[in-house]
C-alpha cells in the first residue's frame, strides 16, 4: 500500500517543457511514474520525446489534460512568480493532488491558494518541497528513486535532504511512502495529514517524522500522535544549534524566545511516546530497534 499516490496514479507536469521540468520528468519516467502529459499554453498540441521511446503530449490547460488523460496528480515546476496561477489552475480543474516543488513562493500566495484548495476539497503538497515517492510505484517530484525500495516504513519530513538521508539509512527495510511536506510557514499537507494517512494504511507498520525549528507544527503533531496514532513513531527535530531569531534555510524555520525550539519540540514528542534521536542516524537506529 501507499498514501496519496500509487502505481495507478496518472501524473501531469505543469512546466514540463522548462529546464527543471524536463530534467525531473525524465527522472520520474525512469523510475516508473506514469507521466501522461505536460501543460504549457504556448506549446499546446506539441509533444516531447523522452529517453526510452516515451512521447508525452503537451496540453494547453490542466482541465484539458485531465479530460484527455484522466490525470489525477499534477506536479508543478514553474518559477515563483507564476506558481500561484499554476496552482489555482489545478485547483479550479479539481485536480485531486497537486505537488508544488517551487521554492520562494510568497507566503501571501500560498495562503491564498491553500484556502482555495481547502474550499475545493483538493490536496496540495508543498510548496518548497521535494515531493512524494511510493518506491516501486510512483515518484512525483525530485526525490531520488534509487536510494530505497518498497517496504513498511512511512516517512514524513519538512526537509528534503533529511528525507533522502533517512530513506538511505533505512533502505534495507524500505518505505511505503516518503513525503516531503516542505519548510514554508504555510503548506498544503501537514505532519498530521500524513500521520493520519499512515495510521490508516494497513501496510505501513511504523512511521518516521522529521521536523525542524520554528512554529508549533511538531507540538500539534505530538498531540495528534498521542490521541490517534497506534503505530510506533520515531522522530528527529533539525536545528538544535540554531541561533535565536535567525531564519535557517527554510522560511518557516525561525525561533522566537522559547517558542519553536528544537528542545521544546523534542520534549513534546517524547511526552507523546515518540522516541526522538539526537541525529538522523540515531533516529534511524531507533527505528531499526522497533522493526527488529
Protein backbone atom coordinates (compact mmCIF):
# COMPACT_ATOMS: atom_id res chain seq x y z
CA UNK A 1 0.00 0.00 0.00
CA UNK A 2 0.93 3.67 -0.08
CA UNK A 3 -0.55 7.07 0.77
CA UNK A 4 -1.72 9.75 -1.69
CA UNK A 5 -0.08 8.12 -4.77
CA UNK A 6 0.30 4.57 -6.10
CA UNK A 7 1.08 2.63 -9.27
CA UNK A 8 -2.22 3.75 -10.82
CA UNK A 9 -1.52 7.48 -10.39
CA UNK A 10 -1.62 9.41 -13.66
CA UNK A 11 0.69 12.41 -13.45
CA UNK A 12 0.84 15.64 -15.44
CA UNK A 13 3.69 18.13 -15.21
CA UNK A 14 2.94 21.86 -15.18
CA UNK A 15 6.09 23.44 -16.58
CA UNK A 16 7.28 20.21 -18.21
CA UNK A 17 8.93 21.96 -21.16
CA UNK A 18 11.18 24.15 -18.96
CA UNK A 19 14.68 23.01 -17.98
CA UNK A 20 13.72 21.81 -14.48
CA UNK A 21 10.51 20.25 -15.75
CA UNK A 22 12.33 18.35 -18.49
CA UNK A 23 15.07 17.12 -16.15
CA UNK A 24 12.75 15.85 -13.47
CA UNK A 25 10.15 14.45 -15.88
CA UNK A 26 12.98 12.34 -17.33
CA UNK A 27 13.81 11.14 -13.80
CA UNK A 28 10.20 10.44 -12.89
CA UNK A 29 9.65 8.41 -16.07
CA UNK A 30 12.86 6.46 -15.46
CA UNK A 31 11.60 5.47 -12.01
CA UNK A 32 8.32 4.13 -13.40
CA UNK A 33 6.00 7.08 -12.82
CA UNK A 34 3.07 7.18 -15.24
CA UNK A 35 3.53 10.69 -16.66
CA UNK A 36 0.63 11.20 -19.07
CA UNK A 37 1.04 14.83 -20.09
CA UNK A 38 2.58 18.26 -19.69
CA UNK A 39 0.93 21.67 -19.52
CA UNK A 40 2.15 24.75 -21.37
CA UNK A 41 -0.41 27.04 -23.06
CA UNK A 42 2.20 28.22 -25.59
CA UNK A 43 3.08 24.68 -26.67
CA UNK A 44 -0.36 23.05 -26.65
CA UNK A 45 -0.70 20.31 -29.24
CA UNK A 46 3.01 19.53 -29.32
CA UNK A 47 4.67 16.51 -27.74
CA UNK A 48 8.02 15.87 -26.08
CA UNK A 49 10.27 12.85 -26.62
CA UNK A 50 11.94 11.36 -23.55
CA UNK A 51 14.53 8.56 -23.21
CA UNK A 52 13.12 5.07 -23.57
CA UNK A 53 10.95 5.97 -26.57
CA UNK A 54 8.41 7.78 -24.39
CA UNK A 55 6.34 10.51 -26.02
CA UNK A 56 4.45 12.85 -23.70
CA UNK A 57 1.77 15.19 -25.12
CA UNK A 58 1.58 18.87 -24.11
CA UNK A 59 -1.82 20.38 -23.29
CA UNK A 60 -2.94 23.99 -23.06
CA UNK A 61 -4.51 23.69 -19.62
CA UNK A 62 -4.80 21.39 -16.62
CA UNK A 63 -8.50 20.89 -17.32
CA UNK A 64 -7.78 19.77 -20.89
CA UNK A 65 -5.01 17.43 -19.71
CA UNK A 66 -7.34 15.85 -17.16
CA UNK A 67 -10.11 15.44 -19.71
CA UNK A 68 -7.82 13.81 -22.30
CA UNK A 69 -5.70 11.60 -19.98
CA UNK A 70 -7.66 11.03 -16.77
CA UNK A 71 -4.77 12.57 -14.80
CA UNK A 72 -5.25 12.66 -11.03
CA UNK A 73 -1.90 14.15 -9.92
CA UNK A 74 -0.12 17.31 -11.03
CA UNK A 75 3.43 18.36 -10.18
CA UNK A 76 4.45 21.98 -10.63
CA UNK A 77 7.87 23.13 -11.86
CA UNK A 78 7.35 26.82 -12.58
CA UNK A 79 9.13 29.95 -11.22
CA UNK A 80 7.79 31.53 -8.01
CA UNK A 81 6.13 34.47 -9.81
CA UNK A 82 3.91 32.07 -11.80
CA UNK A 83 3.30 29.44 -9.14
CA UNK A 84 0.07 30.88 -7.75
CA UNK A 85 -1.54 30.96 -11.20
CA UNK A 86 -0.45 27.36 -11.85
CA UNK A 87 -1.79 26.11 -8.53
CA UNK A 88 -5.07 27.99 -8.88
CA UNK A 89 -5.49 26.48 -12.36
CA UNK A 90 -5.05 22.98 -10.91
CA UNK A 91 -7.50 23.73 -8.08
CA UNK A 92 -10.09 25.16 -10.49
CA UNK A 93 -9.81 21.94 -12.54
CA UNK A 94 -10.39 19.94 -9.31
CA UNK A 95 -7.08 18.12 -9.61
CA UNK A 96 -7.19 15.71 -6.61
CA UNK A 97 -3.50 16.10 -5.73
CA UNK A 98 -1.08 18.88 -6.71
CA UNK A 99 2.59 18.73 -5.69
CA UNK A 100 4.31 22.14 -5.66
CA UNK A 101 8.09 21.85 -5.89
CA UNK A 102 8.85 25.57 -6.35
CA UNK A 103 10.88 27.34 -3.67
CA UNK A 104 10.49 31.04 -2.86
CA UNK A 105 6.70 31.25 -3.30
CA UNK A 106 5.42 34.39 -1.48
CA UNK A 107 3.62 33.42 1.73
CA UNK A 108 0.62 35.56 0.73
CA UNK A 109 0.30 33.49 -2.47
CA UNK A 110 0.49 30.24 -0.50
CA UNK A 111 -2.17 31.47 1.93
CA UNK A 112 -4.45 32.33 -0.97
CA UNK A 113 -4.17 29.06 -2.87
CA UNK A 114 -4.21 26.92 0.29
CA UNK A 115 -7.55 28.49 1.24
CA UNK A 116 -8.90 27.81 -2.26
CA UNK A 117 -7.73 24.20 -2.06
CA UNK A 118 -9.49 23.68 1.27
CA UNK A 119 -12.70 25.14 -0.15
CA UNK A 120 -12.44 22.86 -3.21
CA UNK A 121 -11.61 19.78 -1.15
CA UNK A 122 -8.37 19.02 -3.01
CA UNK A 123 -4.93 18.22 -1.60
CA UNK A 124 -1.77 20.24 -2.08
CA UNK A 125 1.74 19.12 -1.10
CA UNK A 126 4.30 21.91 -0.70
CA UNK A 127 5.34 24.46 -1.79
CA UNK A 128 9.13 24.32 -1.36
CA UNK A 129 9.14 20.56 -1.07
CA UNK A 130 10.86 17.55 -2.71
CA UNK A 131 7.56 15.81 -3.42
CA UNK A 132 6.35 12.30 -2.66
CA UNK A 133 7.51 8.79 -3.55
CA UNK A 134 5.97 5.37 -3.11
CA UNK A 135 9.02 3.29 -4.08
CA UNK A 136 8.41 0.93 -6.98
CA UNK A 137 5.01 2.53 -7.66
CA UNK A 138 5.24 6.26 -8.37
CA UNK A 139 7.61 9.17 -7.78
CA UNK A 140 6.24 12.71 -8.04
CA UNK A 141 8.82 15.46 -7.60
CA UNK A 142 12.59 15.47 -7.15
CA UNK A 143 13.20 12.65 -4.64
CA UNK A 144 15.89 10.22 -5.88
CA UNK A 145 14.23 6.90 -6.72
CA UNK A 146 17.27 4.66 -6.38
CA UNK A 147 18.10 5.03 -2.66
CA UNK A 148 15.46 2.69 -1.26
CA UNK A 149 12.81 0.17 -2.25
CA UNK A 150 9.27 -0.62 -1.12
CA UNK A 151 8.73 -1.56 2.50
CA UNK A 152 6.78 -0.99 5.70
CA UNK A 153 8.00 2.43 6.90
CA UNK A 154 6.14 5.68 6.36
CA UNK A 155 8.20 8.89 6.35
CA UNK A 156 7.01 12.48 6.64
CA UNK A 157 9.58 15.27 6.66
CA UNK A 158 9.89 19.04 6.45
CA UNK A 159 13.40 18.70 5.00
CA UNK A 160 14.25 17.39 1.54
CA UNK A 161 17.83 16.32 2.23
CA UNK A 162 16.91 14.69 5.54
CA UNK A 163 14.19 12.79 3.68
CA UNK A 164 16.85 11.37 1.38
CA UNK A 165 19.21 10.57 4.25
CA UNK A 166 16.54 8.71 6.23
CA UNK A 167 15.47 6.75 3.14
CA UNK A 168 19.10 5.72 2.61
CA UNK A 169 19.77 4.85 6.25
CA UNK A 170 16.71 2.56 6.38
CA UNK A 171 16.96 1.27 2.81
CA UNK A 172 17.20 -2.36 3.94
CA UNK A 173 13.68 -2.06 5.41
CA UNK A 174 12.14 0.08 2.65
CA UNK A 175 9.26 2.54 2.62
CA UNK A 176 5.54 2.51 1.86
CA UNK A 177 5.63 6.24 1.09
CA UNK A 178 8.06 9.06 1.83
CA UNK A 179 6.59 12.55 1.69
CA UNK A 180 8.44 15.85 1.93
CA UNK A 181 5.88 18.40 3.08
CA UNK A 182 8.11 21.49 2.72
CA UNK A 183 9.51 24.03 5.15
CA UNK A 184 7.46 27.15 4.40
CA UNK A 185 5.21 28.77 7.05
CA UNK A 186 2.08 27.74 5.09
CA UNK A 187 2.00 24.29 3.47
CA UNK A 188 -0.78 22.27 1.90
CA UNK A 189 -0.18 18.95 3.68
CA UNK A 190 0.95 18.83 7.30
CA UNK A 191 2.65 16.28 9.53
CA UNK A 192 -0.80 15.49 10.95
CA UNK A 193 -2.30 14.84 7.49
CA UNK A 194 0.49 12.38 6.69
CA UNK A 195 0.37 10.73 10.12
CA UNK A 196 -3.38 10.15 9.77
CA UNK A 197 -2.88 8.61 6.32
CA UNK A 198 -0.06 6.33 7.53
CA UNK A 199 -2.15 5.25 10.52
CA UNK A 200 -4.95 4.27 8.11
CA UNK A 201 -2.62 2.43 5.70
CA UNK A 202 -2.63 -1.27 6.66
CA UNK A 203 0.83 -1.92 5.20
CA UNK A 204 2.65 0.92 6.96
CA UNK A 205 3.94 -0.63 10.19
CA UNK A 206 5.97 2.24 11.65
CA UNK A 207 6.45 5.97 11.00
CA UNK A 208 9.42 8.35 10.93
CA UNK A 209 8.61 12.03 11.43
CA UNK A 210 11.23 14.69 10.74
CA UNK A 211 10.55 18.21 11.93
CA UNK A 212 12.57 21.36 12.42
CA UNK A 213 12.67 24.52 14.50
CA UNK A 214 10.03 27.23 14.09
CA UNK A 215 6.27 27.27 14.52
CA UNK A 216 4.30 24.70 16.51
CA UNK A 217 3.57 22.04 13.87
CA UNK A 218 5.58 19.38 15.69
CA UNK A 219 3.88 20.09 19.02
CA UNK A 220 0.47 19.78 17.36
CA UNK A 221 1.63 16.56 15.67
CA UNK A 222 2.71 15.22 19.06
CA UNK A 223 -0.78 15.82 20.47
CA UNK A 224 -2.29 14.10 17.43
CA UNK A 225 0.02 11.10 17.82
CA UNK A 226 -0.90 10.74 21.48
CA UNK A 227 -4.62 10.79 20.68
CA UNK A 228 -4.82 8.97 17.34
CA UNK A 229 -1.73 7.00 16.29
CA UNK A 230 -1.32 3.39 17.42
CA UNK A 231 1.76 2.60 15.31
CA UNK A 232 5.29 3.25 16.61
CA UNK A 233 6.68 6.67 15.67
CA UNK A 234 10.29 7.84 15.86
CA UNK A 235 11.29 11.44 15.31
CA UNK A 236 14.07 13.88 14.63
CA UNK A 237 14.00 17.67 15.01
CA UNK A 238 16.54 19.64 12.98
CA UNK A 239 18.01 22.82 14.44
CA UNK A 240 19.29 22.16 17.98
CA UNK A 241 22.24 24.53 17.40
CA UNK A 242 20.32 27.27 15.56
CA UNK A 243 20.73 30.81 16.98
CA UNK A 244 17.58 32.55 18.23
CA UNK A 245 15.86 34.94 15.82
CA UNK A 246 17.75 33.81 12.72
CA UNK A 247 15.96 32.17 9.78
CA UNK A 248 17.65 28.86 8.99
CA UNK A 249 17.27 27.80 5.35
CA UNK A 250 13.50 27.31 5.35
CA UNK A 251 11.25 30.33 5.57
CA UNK A 252 9.37 28.79 8.50
CA UNK A 253 12.46 27.79 10.48
CA UNK A 254 12.85 30.66 12.93
CA UNK A 255 12.94 30.54 16.74
CA UNK A 256 11.48 33.32 18.88
CA UNK A 257 12.20 33.07 22.62
CA UNK A 258 11.36 29.55 23.84
CA UNK A 259 8.76 29.11 21.09
CA UNK A 260 9.68 26.83 18.22
CA UNK A 261 12.93 25.49 19.68
CA UNK A 262 14.18 22.00 18.89
CA UNK A 263 14.26 21.14 22.62
CA UNK A 264 10.61 22.15 23.11
CA UNK A 265 9.57 20.04 20.13
CA UNK A 266 11.65 17.06 21.30
CA UNK A 267 10.04 17.22 24.75
CA UNK A 268 6.51 17.41 23.29
CA UNK A 269 7.15 14.40 21.05
CA UNK A 270 8.71 12.34 23.85
CA UNK A 271 5.76 13.14 26.11
CA UNK A 272 3.55 11.63 23.39
CA UNK A 273 5.60 8.41 23.39
CA UNK A 274 7.71 9.23 20.33
CA UNK A 275 11.36 8.21 20.53
CA UNK A 276 13.44 11.17 19.31
CA UNK A 277 17.01 10.82 18.06
CA UNK A 278 19.68 13.48 18.56
CA UNK A 279 20.88 12.91 14.97
CA UNK A 280 19.28 11.46 11.83
CA UNK A 281 21.44 8.33 12.22
CA UNK A 282 20.34 7.87 15.83
CA UNK A 283 16.72 8.24 14.71
CA UNK A 284 17.28 5.54 12.07
CA UNK A 285 18.79 3.31 14.78
CA UNK A 286 15.69 3.78 16.94
CA UNK A 287 13.52 2.65 14.00
CA UNK A 288 15.80 -0.38 13.49
CA UNK A 289 15.25 -1.42 17.09
CA UNK A 290 11.48 -1.23 16.62
CA UNK A 291 11.43 -3.19 13.36
CA UNK A 292 13.93 -5.79 14.56
